[in-house]
C-alpha atoms as a PDB file:
ATOM      1  CA  MET A   1     124.303 212.674 224.025  1.00  0.00           C
ATOM      2  CA  PRO A   2     126.386 209.532 224.612  1.00  0.00           C
ATOM      3  CA  GLU A   3     128.561 208.355 221.771  1.00  0.00           C
ATOM      4  CA  LYS A   4     127.028 205.488 219.819  1.00  0.00           C
ATOM      5  CA  ILE A   5     128.989 202.454 218.660  1.00  0.00           C
ATOM      6  CA  ALA A   6     128.207 201.570 215.056  1.00  0.00           C
ATOM      7  CA  ALA A   7     130.044 198.255 215.244  1.00  0.00           C
ATOM      8  CA  SER A   8     132.632 196.437 217.296  1.00  0.00           C
ATOM      9  CA  PHE A   9     134.608 193.253 216.774  1.00  0.00           C
ATOM     10  CA  GLN A  10     137.227 190.970 218.238  1.00  0.00           C
ATOM     11  CA  ILE A  11     139.748 188.729 216.513  1.00  0.00           C
ATOM     12  CA  PRO A  12     140.325 185.413 218.319  1.00  0.00           C
ATOM     13  CA  TYR A  13     143.833 183.984 218.505  1.00  0.00           C
ATOM     14  CA  PHE A  14     144.447 180.254 218.799  1.00  0.00           C
ATOM     15  CA  GLN A  15     147.442 178.294 219.953  1.00  0.00           C
ATOM     16  CA  ILE A  16     147.009 174.673 221.002  1.00  0.00           C
ATOM     17  CA  MET A  17     150.602 173.407 220.993  1.00  0.00           C
ATOM     18  CA  ASP A  18     153.457 175.523 222.344  1.00  0.00           C
ATOM     19  CA  GLU A  19     157.109 175.438 221.315  1.00  0.00           C
ATOM     20  CA  THR A  20     157.874 172.561 223.693  1.00  0.00           C
ATOM     21  CA  GLY A  21     155.200 170.362 222.115  1.00  0.00           C
ATOM     22  CA  ALA A  22     152.855 170.662 225.097  1.00  0.00           C
ATOM     23  CA  ILE A  23     149.159 171.001 224.206  1.00  0.00           C
ATOM     24  CA  ASP A  24     146.047 172.520 225.734  1.00  0.00           C
ATOM     25  CA  LYS A  25     143.837 169.438 225.941  1.00  0.00           C
ATOM     26  CA  ASN A  26     140.700 171.584 226.172  1.00  0.00           C
ATOM     27  CA  LEU A  27     141.386 173.038 222.725  1.00  0.00           C
ATOM     28  CA  MET A  28     142.903 169.998 221.010  1.00  0.00           C
ATOM     29  CA  PRO A  29     140.844 168.878 217.995  1.00  0.00           C
ATOM     30  CA  VAL A  30     140.048 165.226 217.432  1.00  0.00           C
ATOM     31  CA  VAL A  31     142.904 163.947 215.261  1.00  0.00           C
ATOM     32  CA  ASP A  32     143.796 160.269 215.339  1.00  0.00           C
ATOM     33  CA  LYS A  33     147.325 158.883 215.463  1.00  0.00           C
ATOM     34  CA  ASP A  34     147.377 157.876 211.795  1.00  0.00           C
ATOM     35  CA  ALA A  35     146.339 161.355 210.682  1.00  0.00           C
ATOM     36  CA  ILE A  36     149.014 162.972 212.847  1.00  0.00           C
ATOM     37  CA  ASN A  37     151.667 160.628 211.470  1.00  0.00           C
ATOM     38  CA  ALA A  38     150.515 161.321 207.908  1.00  0.00           C
ATOM     39  CA  MET A  39     150.733 165.084 208.418  1.00  0.00           C
ATOM     40  CA  TYR A  40     154.209 164.743 209.887  1.00  0.00           C
ATOM     41  CA  ARG A  41     155.366 162.674 206.912  1.00  0.00           C
ATOM     42  CA  VAL A  42     154.177 165.313 204.440  1.00  0.00           C
ATOM     43  CA  MET A  43     155.878 168.072 206.436  1.00  0.00           C
ATOM     44  CA  VAL A  44     159.166 166.156 206.332  1.00  0.00           C
ATOM     45  CA  LEU A  45     158.766 165.359 202.629  1.00  0.00           C
ATOM     46  CA  ALA A  46     158.175 169.051 201.919  1.00  0.00           C
ATOM     47  CA  ARG A  47     161.231 170.028 203.983  1.00  0.00           C
ATOM     48  CA  VAL A  48     163.459 167.551 202.141  1.00  0.00           C
ATOM     49  CA  LEU A  49     162.072 168.691 198.775  1.00  0.00           C
ATOM     50  CA  ASP A  50     162.758 172.280 199.816  1.00  0.00           C
ATOM     51  CA  GLU A  51     166.371 171.514 200.747  1.00  0.00           C
ATOM     52  CA  THR A  52     166.857 169.653 197.464  1.00  0.00           C
ATOM     53  CA  MET A  53     165.416 172.450 195.334  1.00  0.00           C
ATOM     54  CA  LEU A  54     167.837 174.929 196.878  1.00  0.00           C
ATOM     55  CA  LYS A  55     170.760 172.662 195.993  1.00  0.00           C
ATOM     56  CA  LEU A  56     169.479 172.156 192.453  1.00  0.00           C
ATOM     57  CA  GLN A  57     169.175 175.899 191.971  1.00  0.00           C
ATOM     58  CA  ARG A  58     172.702 176.529 193.224  1.00  0.00           C
ATOM     59  CA  GLU A  59     173.963 173.844 190.833  1.00  0.00           C
ATOM     60  CA  GLY A  60     172.175 175.479 187.897  1.00  0.00           C
ATOM     61  CA  ARG A  61     169.768 172.558 187.533  1.00  0.00           C
ATOM     62  CA  CYS A  62     166.603 174.624 188.111  1.00  0.00           C
ATOM     63  CA  GLY A  63     165.507 178.237 187.973  1.00  0.00           C
ATOM     64  CA  VAL A  64     164.474 180.674 190.680  1.00  0.00           C
ATOM     65  CA  TYR A  65     162.914 178.864 193.628  1.00  0.00           C
ATOM     66  CA  ALA A  66     160.832 180.114 196.578  1.00  0.00           C
ATOM     67  CA  PRO A  67     161.749 178.249 199.806  1.00  0.00           C
ATOM     68  CA  LEU A  68     158.974 177.181 202.194  1.00  0.00           C
ATOM     69  CA  ARG A  69     161.033 176.168 205.259  1.00  0.00           C
ATOM     70  CA  GLY A  70     159.185 177.164 208.427  1.00  0.00           C
ATOM     71  CA  GLN A  71     155.739 177.268 206.844  1.00  0.00           C
ATOM     72  CA  GLU A  72     155.002 173.542 206.682  1.00  0.00           C
ATOM     73  CA  ALA A  73     152.462 173.548 209.531  1.00  0.00           C
ATOM     74  CA  SER A  74     150.407 176.363 207.985  1.00  0.00           C
ATOM     75  CA  GLN A  75     150.174 174.553 204.658  1.00  0.00           C
ATOM     76  CA  VAL A  76     149.745 170.980 205.849  1.00  0.00           C
ATOM     77  CA  GLY A  77     147.474 171.824 208.784  1.00  0.00           C
ATOM     78  CA  ALA A  78     145.072 173.765 206.574  1.00  0.00           C
ATOM     79  CA  SER A  79     145.006 171.521 203.502  1.00  0.00           C
ATOM     80  CA  SER A  80     144.633 168.367 205.629  1.00  0.00           C
ATOM     81  CA  VAL A  81     140.975 169.166 206.252  1.00  0.00           C
ATOM     82  CA  LEU A  82     140.042 169.289 202.567  1.00  0.00           C
ATOM     83  CA  LEU A  83     138.185 166.427 200.921  1.00  0.00           C
ATOM     84  CA  LYS A  84     139.236 164.933 197.580  1.00  0.00           C
ATOM     85  CA  ASP A  85     136.660 166.964 195.614  1.00  0.00           C
ATOM     86  CA  ASP A  86     137.586 170.244 197.292  1.00  0.00           C
ATOM     87  CA  TRP A  87     139.846 172.650 195.417  1.00  0.00           C
ATOM     88  CA  LEU A  88     143.205 174.141 196.388  1.00  0.00           C
ATOM     89  CA  PHE A  89     144.565 177.391 194.946  1.00  0.00           C
ATOM     90  CA  PRO A  90     148.246 177.640 195.925  1.00  0.00           C
ATOM     91  CA  ILE A  91     150.940 180.253 195.504  1.00  0.00           C
ATOM     92  CA  TYR A  92     154.535 179.633 194.467  1.00  0.00           C
ATOM     93  CA  ARG A  93     155.606 178.731 198.039  1.00  0.00           C
ATOM     94  CA  ASP A  94     152.918 176.119 198.726  1.00  0.00           C
ATOM     95  CA  ALA A  95     154.555 172.854 197.688  1.00  0.00           C
ATOM     96  CA  ALA A  96     153.715 171.258 201.060  1.00  0.00           C
ATOM     97  CA  ALA A  97     149.993 171.841 200.576  1.00  0.00           C
ATOM     98  CA  MET A  98     150.198 170.543 197.026  1.00  0.00           C
ATOM     99  CA  LEU A  99     152.043 167.393 198.078  1.00  0.00           C
ATOM    100  CA  LEU A 100     149.383 166.654 200.674  1.00  0.00           C
ATOM    101  CA  LYS A 101     146.618 167.111 198.101  1.00  0.00           C
ATOM    102  CA  GLY A 102     148.245 164.582 195.768  1.00  0.00           C
ATOM    103  CA  MET A 103     150.624 166.570 193.567  1.00  0.00           C
ATOM    104  CA  PRO A 104     153.640 164.436 192.565  1.00  0.00           C
ATOM    105  CA  ALA A 105     156.983 165.883 193.677  1.00  0.00           C
ATOM    106  CA  LYS A 106     158.338 165.180 190.188  1.00  0.00           C
ATOM    107  CA  LEU A 107     155.973 167.730 188.652  1.00  0.00           C
ATOM    108  CA  ILE A 108     156.873 170.417 191.202  1.00  0.00           C
ATOM    109  CA  ILE A 109     160.560 169.880 190.408  1.00  0.00           C
ATOM    110  CA  GLN A 110     159.853 169.900 186.687  1.00  0.00           C
ATOM    111  CA  TYR A 111     158.024 173.208 186.974  1.00  0.00           C
ATOM    112  CA  PHE A 112     160.855 174.952 188.810  1.00  0.00           C
ATOM    113  CA  LYS A 113     163.239 173.639 186.160  1.00  0.00           C
ATOM    114  CA  GLY A 114     161.362 175.923 183.778  1.00  0.00           C
ATOM    115  CA  ASP A 115     159.186 173.222 182.237  1.00  0.00           C
ATOM    116  CA  GLU A 116     155.533 174.291 182.145  1.00  0.00           C
ATOM    117  CA  ARG A 117     154.479 170.646 181.894  1.00  0.00           C
ATOM    118  CA  GLY A 118     155.165 170.511 185.610  1.00  0.00           C
ATOM    119  CA  MET A 119     151.854 172.280 186.144  1.00  0.00           C
ATOM    120  CA  ASN A 120     149.960 169.709 184.082  1.00  0.00           C
ATOM    121  CA  ILE A 121     148.008 168.661 187.180  1.00  0.00           C
ATOM    122  CA  PRO A 122     147.051 164.958 187.189  1.00  0.00           C
ATOM    123  CA  LYS A 123     143.395 164.203 186.601  1.00  0.00           C
ATOM    124  CA  GLY A 124     141.481 163.930 189.867  1.00  0.00           C
ATOM    125  CA  VAL A 125     143.946 166.122 191.777  1.00  0.00           C
ATOM    126  CA  ASN A 126     141.940 169.269 192.385  1.00  0.00           C
ATOM    127  CA  ILE A 127     144.697 171.852 192.444  1.00  0.00           C
ATOM    128  CA  PHE A 128     145.155 174.959 190.331  1.00  0.00           C
ATOM    129  CA  PRO A 129     148.677 175.717 189.067  1.00  0.00           C
ATOM    130  CA  PHE A 130     151.033 177.781 191.222  1.00  0.00           C
ATOM    131  CA  ALA A 131     150.063 181.464 191.200  1.00  0.00           C
ATOM    132  CA  ILE A 132     153.219 183.471 190.533  1.00  0.00           C
ATOM    133  CA  PRO A 133     151.670 186.991 190.243  1.00  0.00           C
ATOM    134  CA  VAL A 134     150.876 188.210 193.753  1.00  0.00           C
ATOM    135  CA  SER A 135     147.205 187.866 194.768  1.00  0.00           C
ATOM    136  CA  THR A 136     145.729 187.014 191.364  1.00  0.00           C
ATOM    137  CA  GLN A 137     144.702 183.602 192.716  1.00  0.00           C
ATOM    138  CA  ASN A 138     142.152 185.139 195.101  1.00  0.00           C
ATOM    139  CA  PRO A 139     139.532 186.183 192.498  1.00  0.00           C
ATOM    140  CA  HIS A 140     140.094 182.876 190.676  1.00  0.00           C
ATOM    141  CA  ALA A 141     139.385 180.932 193.861  1.00  0.00           C
ATOM    142  CA  VAL A 142     136.224 182.890 194.584  1.00  0.00           C
ATOM    143  CA  GLY A 143     135.071 182.312 191.012  1.00  0.00           C
ATOM    144  CA  ALA A 144     135.564 178.566 191.421  1.00  0.00           C
ATOM    145  CA  ALA A 145     133.692 178.675 194.738  1.00  0.00           C
ATOM    146  CA  MET A 146     130.808 180.555 193.141  1.00  0.00           C
ATOM    147  CA  ALA A 147     130.671 178.001 190.313  1.00  0.00           C
ATOM    148  CA  ALA A 148     130.414 175.197 192.878  1.00  0.00           C
ATOM    149  CA  LYS A 149     127.646 177.054 194.685  1.00  0.00           C
ATOM    150  CA  MET A 150     125.701 177.608 191.461  1.00  0.00           C
ATOM    151  CA  ARG A 151     125.920 173.900 190.662  1.00  0.00           C
ATOM    152  CA  GLY A 152     124.714 172.994 194.114  1.00  0.00           C
ATOM    153  CA  ASP A 153     127.929 171.144 194.957  1.00  0.00           C
ATOM    154  CA  LYS A 154     129.207 170.861 198.501  1.00  0.00           C
ATOM    155  CA  THR A 155     132.707 171.624 197.244  1.00  0.00           C
ATOM    156  CA  VAL A 156     134.878 174.000 199.281  1.00  0.00           C
ATOM    157  CA  VAL A 157     137.719 176.059 197.836  1.00  0.00           C
ATOM    158  CA  MET A 158     140.823 176.923 199.853  1.00  0.00           C
ATOM    159  CA  VAL A 159     143.166 179.639 198.655  1.00  0.00           C
ATOM    160  CA  PHE A 160     146.574 180.461 200.079  1.00  0.00           C
ATOM    161  CA  LEU A 161     148.110 183.915 200.060  1.00  0.00           C
ATOM    162  CA  GLY A 162     151.003 185.732 201.664  1.00  0.00           C
ATOM    163  CA  ASP A 163     150.792 188.798 203.867  1.00  0.00           C
ATOM    164  CA  GLY A 164     152.002 190.865 200.921  1.00  0.00           C
ATOM    165  CA  ALA A 165     149.007 189.719 198.863  1.00  0.00           C
ATOM    166  CA  SER A 166     146.674 191.207 201.482  1.00  0.00           C
ATOM    167  CA  SER A 167     147.799 194.651 200.305  1.00  0.00           C
ATOM    168  CA  LYS A 168     146.585 194.062 196.764  1.00  0.00           C
ATOM    169  CA  GLY A 169     143.278 195.098 195.250  1.00  0.00           C
ATOM    170  CA  ASP A 170     142.636 191.534 194.043  1.00  0.00           C
ATOM    171  CA  PHE A 171     142.490 190.424 197.677  1.00  0.00           C
ATOM    172  CA  TYR A 172     139.902 193.009 198.739  1.00  0.00           C
ATOM    173  CA  GLU A 173     137.783 192.531 195.646  1.00  0.00           C
ATOM    174  CA  ALA A 174     137.769 188.761 196.081  1.00  0.00           C
ATOM    175  CA  MET A 175     136.996 189.024 199.801  1.00  0.00           C
ATOM    176  CA  ASN A 176     134.173 191.511 199.256  1.00  0.00           C
ATOM    177  CA  PHE A 177     132.587 189.431 196.495  1.00  0.00           C
ATOM    178  CA  ALA A 178     132.901 186.261 198.569  1.00  0.00           C
ATOM    179  CA  GLY A 179     131.296 187.956 201.553  1.00  0.00           C
ATOM    180  CA  VAL A 180     128.356 189.372 199.605  1.00  0.00           C
ATOM    181  CA  PHE A 181     127.541 186.099 197.858  1.00  0.00           C
ATOM    182  CA  LYS A 182     128.561 183.716 200.681  1.00  0.00           C
ATOM    183  CA  ALA A 183     131.013 181.866 198.482  1.00  0.00           C
ATOM    184  CA  PRO A 184     132.261 178.568 199.976  1.00  0.00           C
ATOM    185  CA  VAL A 185     135.882 179.683 200.116  1.00  0.00           C
ATOM    186  CA  VAL A 186     138.513 179.726 202.859  1.00  0.00           C
ATOM    187  CA  PHE A 187     141.285 182.319 202.614  1.00  0.00           C
ATOM    188  CA  VAL A 188     144.486 181.176 204.342  1.00  0.00           C
ATOM    189  CA  CYS A 189     147.008 183.972 204.803  1.00  0.00           C
ATOM    190  CA  GLU A 190     150.499 182.693 205.538  1.00  0.00           C
ATOM    191  CA  ASN A 191     151.749 185.770 207.353  1.00  0.00           C
ATOM    192  CA  ASN A 192     155.467 185.040 207.221  1.00  0.00           C
ATOM    193  CA  GLN A 193     156.261 188.619 208.325  1.00  0.00           C
ATOM    194  CA  TYR A 194     157.805 189.799 205.045  1.00  0.00           C
ATOM    195  CA  ALA A 195     156.739 190.416 201.458  1.00  0.00           C
ATOM    196  CA  ILE A 196     160.201 190.067 199.974  1.00  0.00           C
ATOM    197  CA  SER A 197     161.995 192.842 201.904  1.00  0.00           C
ATOM    198  CA  VAL A 198     158.945 194.754 203.164  1.00  0.00           C
ATOM    199  CA  PRO A 199     158.051 193.892 206.780  1.00  0.00           C
ATOM    200  CA  ARG A 200     154.457 193.313 207.740  1.00  0.00           C
ATOM    201  CA  SER A 201     154.516 196.522 209.826  1.00  0.00           C
ATOM    202  CA  GLN A 202     154.892 198.541 206.622  1.00  0.00           C
ATOM    203  CA  GLN A 203     152.176 196.624 204.753  1.00  0.00           C
ATOM    204  CA  THR A 204     149.190 197.649 206.804  1.00  0.00           C
ATOM    205  CA  ALA A 205     148.328 199.795 209.811  1.00  0.00           C
ATOM    206  CA  ALA A 206     145.758 197.211 210.917  1.00  0.00           C
ATOM    207  CA  GLU A 207     146.600 195.261 214.062  1.00  0.00           C
ATOM    208  CA  THR A 208     145.900 191.986 212.289  1.00  0.00           C
ATOM    209  CA  ILE A 209     145.337 190.808 208.747  1.00  0.00           C
ATOM    210  CA  ALA A 210     142.512 188.609 210.054  1.00  0.00           C
ATOM    211  CA  GLN A 211     140.389 191.654 210.880  1.00  0.00           C
ATOM    212  CA  LYS A 212     140.179 192.558 207.200  1.00  0.00           C
ATOM    213  CA  ALA A 213     137.529 189.845 206.906  1.00  0.00           C
ATOM    214  CA  ILE A 214     135.235 191.798 209.229  1.00  0.00           C
ATOM    215  CA  ALA A 215     134.891 194.601 206.674  1.00  0.00           C
ATOM    216  CA  CYS A 216     133.712 191.989 204.170  1.00  0.00           C
ATOM    217  CA  GLY A 217     131.118 190.501 206.490  1.00  0.00           C
ATOM    218  CA  PHE A 218     132.644 187.206 207.553  1.00  0.00           C
ATOM    219  CA  PRO A 219     134.858 185.818 210.338  1.00  0.00           C
ATOM    220  CA  GLY A 220     138.586 186.236 210.611  1.00  0.00           C
ATOM    221  CA  VAL A 221     140.819 184.376 213.033  1.00  0.00           C
ATOM    222  CA  GLN A 222     144.517 184.533 213.809  1.00  0.00           C
ATOM    223  CA  VAL A 223     146.409 181.373 214.742  1.00  0.00           C
ATOM    224  CA  ASP A 224     149.925 180.295 215.613  1.00  0.00           C
ATOM    225  CA  GLY A 225     150.905 179.212 212.126  1.00  0.00           C
ATOM    226  CA  ASN A 226     153.685 176.944 213.392  1.00  0.00           C
ATOM    227  CA  ASP A 227     151.198 175.006 215.519  1.00  0.00           C
ATOM    228  CA  ILE A 228     149.738 172.413 213.175  1.00  0.00           C
ATOM    229  CA  PHE A 229     146.854 171.622 215.525  1.00  0.00           C
ATOM    230  CA  ALA A 230     145.758 175.254 215.814  1.00  0.00           C
ATOM    231  CA  VAL A 231     145.828 175.587 212.025  1.00  0.00           C
ATOM    232  CA  TYR A 232     143.975 172.290 211.617  1.00  0.00           C
ATOM    233  CA  LYS A 233     141.253 173.364 214.084  1.00  0.00           C
ATOM    234  CA  ALA A 234     140.767 176.796 212.483  1.00  0.00           C
ATOM    235  CA  ALA A 235     140.672 175.266 208.994  1.00  0.00           C
ATOM    236  CA  SER A 236     138.228 172.550 210.084  1.00  0.00           C
ATOM    237  CA  ASP A 237     135.836 175.166 211.449  1.00  0.00           C
ATOM    238  CA  ALA A 238     136.175 177.355 208.352  1.00  0.00           C
ATOM    239  CA  VAL A 239     135.676 174.486 205.896  1.00  0.00           C
ATOM    240  CA  ALA A 240     132.643 173.237 207.821  1.00  0.00           C
ATOM    241  CA  ARG A 241     131.163 176.744 207.760  1.00  0.00           C
ATOM    242  CA  ALA A 242     131.694 176.991 203.991  1.00  0.00           C
ATOM    243  CA  ARG A 243     130.310 173.509 203.326  1.00  0.00           C
ATOM    244  CA  GLN A 244     127.167 174.304 205.307  1.00  0.00           C
ATOM    245  CA  GLY A 245     126.471 177.316 203.088  1.00  0.00           C
ATOM    246  CA  ASN A 246     127.464 179.946 205.648  1.00  0.00           C
ATOM    247  CA  GLY A 247     130.097 181.607 203.519  1.00  0.00           C
ATOM    248  CA  PRO A 248     133.801 182.371 203.652  1.00  0.00           C
ATOM    249  CA  SER A 249     136.392 182.716 206.403  1.00  0.00           C
ATOM    250  CA  LEU A 250     139.879 184.169 206.674  1.00  0.00           C
ATOM    251  CA  ILE A 251     142.607 182.422 208.660  1.00  0.00           C
ATOM    252  CA  GLU A 252     145.772 184.383 209.376  1.00  0.00           C
ATOM    253  CA  CYS A 253     148.633 181.983 210.158  1.00  0.00           C
ATOM    254  CA  MET A 254     151.394 183.731 212.094  1.00  0.00           C
ATOM    255  CA  THR A 255     154.494 182.013 210.747  1.00  0.00           C
ATOM    256  CA  TYR A 256     157.930 182.884 209.407  1.00  0.00           C
ATOM    257  CA  ARG A 257     159.952 182.410 206.267  1.00  0.00           C
ATOM    258  CA  LEU A 258     163.204 181.001 207.622  1.00  0.00           C
ATOM    259  CA  ALA A 259     165.032 181.226 204.288  1.00  0.00           C
ATOM    260  CA  ASP A 260     165.291 183.947 201.635  1.00  0.00           C
ATOM    261  CA  HIS A 261     162.182 185.080 199.778  1.00  0.00           C
ATOM    262  CA  THR A 262     163.538 183.324 196.697  1.00  0.00           C
ATOM    263  CA  THR A 263     166.938 182.188 195.512  1.00  0.00           C
ATOM    264  CA  ALA A 264     167.221 185.641 193.903  1.00  0.00           C
ATOM    265  CA  ASP A 265     166.923 187.321 197.327  1.00  0.00           C
ATOM    266  CA  ASP A 266     169.329 188.040 200.180  1.00  0.00           C
ATOM    267  CA  ALA A 267     167.309 188.313 203.391  1.00  0.00           C
ATOM    268  CA  THR A 268     170.349 189.382 205.439  1.00  0.00           C
ATOM    269  CA  LYS A 269     169.987 192.827 203.893  1.00  0.00           C
ATOM    270  CA  TYR A 270     166.660 193.502 205.636  1.00  0.00           C
ATOM    271  CA  ARG A 271     166.433 191.300 208.732  1.00  0.00           C
ATOM    272  CA  ASN A 272     168.875 190.375 211.479  1.00  0.00           C
ATOM    273  CA  ASP A 273     170.245 187.021 212.552  1.00  0.00           C
ATOM    274  CA  ALA A 274     168.754 187.242 216.053  1.00  0.00           C
ATOM    275  CA  GLU A 275     165.242 187.467 214.604  1.00  0.00           C
ATOM    276  CA  VAL A 276     165.780 184.397 212.438  1.00  0.00           C
ATOM    277  CA  LYS A 277     167.251 182.384 215.316  1.00  0.00           C
ATOM    278  CA  ALA A 278     164.290 183.290 217.537  1.00  0.00           C
ATOM    279  CA  TRP A 279     161.917 181.893 214.907  1.00  0.00           C
ATOM    280  CA  GLU A 280     164.058 178.800 214.343  1.00  0.00           C
ATOM    281  CA  LYS A 281     163.182 177.800 217.909  1.00  0.00           C
ATOM    282  CA  LYS A 282     159.541 177.768 216.773  1.00  0.00           C
ATOM    283  CA  ASP A 283     160.245 175.397 213.873  1.00  0.00           C
ATOM    284  CA  PRO A 284     156.948 173.559 213.186  1.00  0.00           C
ATOM    285  CA  ILE A 285     158.597 170.192 212.510  1.00  0.00           C
ATOM    286  CA  LEU A 286     160.669 170.261 215.704  1.00  0.00           C
ATOM    287  CA  ARG A 287     157.561 171.255 217.637  1.00  0.00           C
ATOM    288  CA  MET A 288     155.579 168.374 216.221  1.00  0.00           C
ATOM    289  CA  GLU A 289     158.400 165.928 216.953  1.00  0.00           C
ATOM    290  CA  ARG A 290     158.450 167.039 220.595  1.00  0.00           C
ATOM    291  CA  TYR A 291     154.715 166.450 220.812  1.00  0.00           C
ATOM    292  CA  MET A 292     154.988 163.016 219.193  1.00  0.00           C
ATOM    293  CA  LEU A 293     157.829 161.958 221.486  1.00  0.00           C
ATOM    294  CA  ALA A 294     156.002 163.151 224.590  1.00  0.00           C
ATOM    295  CA  ASN A 295     152.882 161.245 223.565  1.00  0.00           C
ATOM    296  CA  SER A 296     154.675 158.078 222.417  1.00  0.00           C
ATOM    297  CA  LEU A 297     153.467 158.438 218.817  1.00  0.00           C
ATOM    298  CA  MET A 298     156.967 157.961 217.415  1.00  0.00           C
ATOM    299  CA  HIS A 299     160.551 157.634 218.590  1.00  0.00           C
ATOM    300  CA  GLU A 300     163.760 159.267 217.372  1.00  0.00           C
ATOM    301  CA  GLY A 301     164.655 156.346 215.112  1.00  0.00           C
ATOM    302  CA  GLU A 302     161.359 156.643 213.273  1.00  0.00           C
ATOM    303  CA  PHE A 303     161.940 160.340 212.632  1.00  0.00           C
ATOM    304  CA  GLN A 304     165.255 159.525 210.968  1.00  0.00           C
ATOM    305  CA  ALA A 305     163.740 156.680 208.959  1.00  0.00           C
ATOM    306  CA  ILE A 306     160.974 158.944 207.654  1.00  0.00           C
ATOM    307  CA  ARG A 307     163.512 161.559 206.622  1.00  0.00           C
ATOM    308  CA  GLU A 308     165.620 158.941 204.820  1.00  0.00           C
ATOM    309  CA  GLU A 309     162.521 157.651 203.050  1.00  0.00           C
ATOM    310  CA  ALA A 310     161.649 161.210 202.014  1.00  0.00           C
ATOM    311  CA  ARG A 311     165.176 161.698 200.714  1.00  0.00           C
ATOM    312  CA  LYS A 312     164.885 158.591 198.522  1.00  0.00           C
ATOM    313  CA  ASP A 313     161.481 159.725 197.237  1.00  0.00           C
ATOM    314  CA  VAL A 314     162.772 163.175 196.369  1.00  0.00           C
ATOM    315  CA  ASP A 315     165.940 161.854 194.741  1.00  0.00           C
ATOM    316  CA  LYS A 316     163.790 159.559 192.589  1.00  0.00           C
ATOM    317  CA  ALA A 317     161.520 162.491 191.688  1.00  0.00           C
ATOM    318  CA  VAL A 318     164.553 164.561 190.661  1.00  0.00           C
ATOM    319  CA  SER A 319     165.811 161.741 188.420  1.00  0.00           C
ATOM    320  CA  GLU A 320     162.396 161.387 186.805  1.00  0.00           C
ATOM    321  CA  ALA A 321     162.040 165.131 186.231  1.00  0.00           C
ATOM    322  CA  GLU A 322     165.494 165.392 184.693  1.00  0.00           C
ATOM    323  CA  ALA A 323     164.854 162.380 182.458  1.00  0.00           C
ATOM    324  CA  GLU A 324     161.918 164.111 180.753  1.00  0.00           C
ATOM    325  CA  PRO A 325     162.612 165.092 177.123  1.00  0.00           C
ATOM    326  CA  ARG A 326     163.097 168.796 176.655  1.00  0.00           C
ATOM    327  CA  GLN A 327     160.136 170.901 175.643  1.00  0.00           C
ATOM    328  CA  ARG A 328     159.759 171.951 172.051  1.00  0.00           C
ATOM    329  CA  PRO A 329     160.034 175.736 171.494  1.00  0.00           C
ATOM    330  CA  GLU A 330     156.557 175.781 169.903  1.00  0.00           C
ATOM    331  CA  ASP A 331     155.045 174.547 173.165  1.00  0.00           C
ATOM    332  CA  ILE A 332     155.020 178.135 174.406  1.00  0.00           C
ATOM    333  CA  PHE A 333     152.183 178.662 171.904  1.00  0.00           C
ATOM    334  CA  ASN A 334     150.398 175.320 172.168  1.00  0.00           C
ATOM    335  CA  TYR A 335     148.736 175.539 175.567  1.00  0.00           C
ATOM    336  CA  ILE A 336     147.433 179.095 175.790  1.00  0.00           C
ATOM    337  CA  TYR A 337     144.071 178.524 174.111  1.00  0.00           C
ATOM    338  CA  ALA A 338     141.952 175.430 173.540  1.00  0.00           C
ATOM    339  CA  GLU A 339     142.057 176.389 169.860  1.00  0.00           C
ATOM    340  CA  MET A 340     145.011 178.470 168.711  1.00  0.00           C
ATOM    341  CA  PRO A 341     143.981 181.822 167.148  1.00  0.00           C
ATOM    342  CA  GLN A 342     145.386 182.840 163.798  1.00  0.00           C
ATOM    343  CA  ASN A 343     147.752 185.500 165.170  1.00  0.00           C
ATOM    344  CA  LEU A 344     149.494 182.939 167.388  1.00  0.00           C
ATOM    345  CA  LYS A 345     149.712 180.463 164.524  1.00  0.00           C
ATOM    346  CA  GLU A 346     151.499 183.121 162.487  1.00  0.00           C
ATOM    347  CA  GLN A 347     153.873 183.917 165.351  1.00  0.00           C
ATOM    348  CA  MET A 348     154.665 180.248 165.870  1.00  0.00           C
ATOM    349  CA  GLU A 349     155.432 179.718 162.177  1.00  0.00           C
ATOM    350  CA  TYR A 350     157.616 182.824 162.211  1.00  0.00           C
ATOM    351  CA  MET A 351     159.578 181.476 165.183  1.00  0.00           C
ATOM    352  CA  LYS A 352     159.970 178.025 163.563  1.00  0.00           C
ATOM    353  CA  SER A 353     161.296 179.620 160.400  1.00  0.00           C
ATOM    354  CA  PHE A 354     164.431 180.737 162.290  1.00  0.00           C
ATOM    355  CA  GLY A 355     165.192 177.111 163.187  1.00  0.00           C
ATOM    356  CA  GLU A 356     164.750 176.064 159.571  1.00  0.00           C
ATOM    357  CA  LYS A 357     167.253 178.691 158.379  1.00  0.00           C
ATOM    358  CA  LYS A 358     169.928 177.175 160.597  1.00  0.00           C
END
């Protein structure tokens, strides 16, 4: 008897803009000039913030920091399609997405200085705090999406994760639950090729991360993560699908972490210079600038002016963050529960007693 096929699938791959800035007009989404300029400005702001945070860390003015250089298009392209009432669940490397969604740079700086008040998200800015533990944000995002569905809202939740997070149980559990209950959530995997020192080839035997969505009953797509228009198009389709009640999607953005995993890492120990230089040629900001020049959306002088403006904004944010009064030691107890339980009250009083003895 002939062999039967139980199931088959394909994973589409999208690239709209190549490394020279040339686009495929047949695939180009409808994005007006103002929107393109706005996305570019956020990408530059995120890059300048990133450069500044590295300097602050080296000067001992902030703690461990996770650079985002090279991943701006994945973050900005995806989060640009969200509406104000939609929710964003970022990881520790997603400052660009947070900036676009309305997070003040001052608070991001404050957080990486070790001040938890930096994640006191302003009212009306629908962002969850940075997720530091790998992949724990995925079940949280699906829970928020299910809550929106139960209320009958048209809210969509977008959650970012790294390729390393796709190896965690939290990821599969969240994906499976979202698929079964058609949660209005979009998973955006920033596949930057490494989870700290572990290359993507050692994370999974699957050809793509995108195909993991198929096992959970919903679409997965792989895109050039340094092509902001490809990311924007994939995210637009996924958000529309979720908003219409058709369930989740997974977008795998093929990108690259141009810097170290964090300021506590040395990437030269596990990857070579030639690989990094090859990816530098695919820099998402340079690619977008080539497109904008070719299409007369901006000129070189405007690029420089935008960068200088971003530098002033970031410098001001640094000054504001550093001017904040220091946290009180007891604040580590104050914001865990809405109402502090007795055991924490006792621990806090015990800690304060040491200060009184001095």
